[in-house]
Amino acid sequence: MRGPHKIATAVRKPDGEITVKTQDINPIFKSKFLKLPLVRGSVALVEAMIIGIKELMYSAEFYEDELEEDAFDRFLRKMFKGNADQAIIYFSVAVALLISVGAFIILPNLVAGLLKTLVESPLILNFLEGILRVGLFTVYVYLISKMDDIKRVFMYHGAEHKTIYAYENGEELTVENARKYITLHPRCGTSFLVNVLIISIIVFSFFGWPGVLMRIVTRLVMLPVIAGLSYEINRYIGKHENKGLAKLLAKPGFLFQKLTTKEPTDDMLEVAIAAMKEVIPENKEDDNW
């Protein structure tokens, strides 16, 4: 859980006990320029990936006897020694970004390019590219949701949202109170990614359909801009979730969240509640999420 000032990671250990690690939020990128609207979206995405992988590595420490370190991890630990964990985190983020850009940005463009002999309109080609991108992402999320480990992650995702709803509605943080809420939330990161997919269709259509190299360059250059726009839209939805336009903008994200969130068990809700309690600000004046 991430609050206004703190991040808390709750883990249920093999013996059933819940342990919570709490730390103050210390931005990785501290330049004021990187906090500007349209710029902060890309920064927030990278920071979220770094924090996510870091906390997953922390939680894995409690089950290290059940996990085998692969050859690459051993190589990194030998090369970077005391800084090996940091190296693994940043390497993982870099690889994740490269794979994501390759699979969901470049690949759909190349496939759509094969249709140029059949479709002359640049506008239609860009639209088809966008549909391919959304389709690939949907299939990918659906397939990984069938994996047992990912299914558990998505159940914890649902527990997170239910707990946040209970807090936002001023209820005591108990399993019973959190249980009754839905697993879909307007400020979810899934909605941010869906916004990226949809906005990319609109933005890329302004660049026509030049050669392959130029198409790839424009998509890479414009990706931070699209991420920035998506982030600002997500913020707007979160702040005006009950108003007409915000509710309309939230619908695509809610549809995808039906894939990325599942109904949690009671013990998962207990973990989410334990983390939530640690990030609630002491003063209501600081309650700016």
Foldseek 3Di string as FASTA:
>chain_A
DAFLFKFKAWEQAPVRDIDIDMDTDDQPDDDPVCVDFLNVLVSVVLVVQLVVVLSVVVNCVRVVVVDDDDPVLVVLCVVVPVCSSVVVSVVVSVVVVVVCCVQQPQVLLVVLVVCCVVDVWLLVSLVSSLVVNVVSVLVVLQVVCPDPVQVQVQALLLLLQLQVVCVVVPHDQALVNSQPDGSDDLLDVLLLVLQLSVVSSVVLSVVGNDDSVVSSVVRVVCSSSSSSVSNVLSVVLNVPVPDDVSVVSSVVSRVSSVSRHDNHDSSSNVRSSVRVVVRQDPDPVSRDD
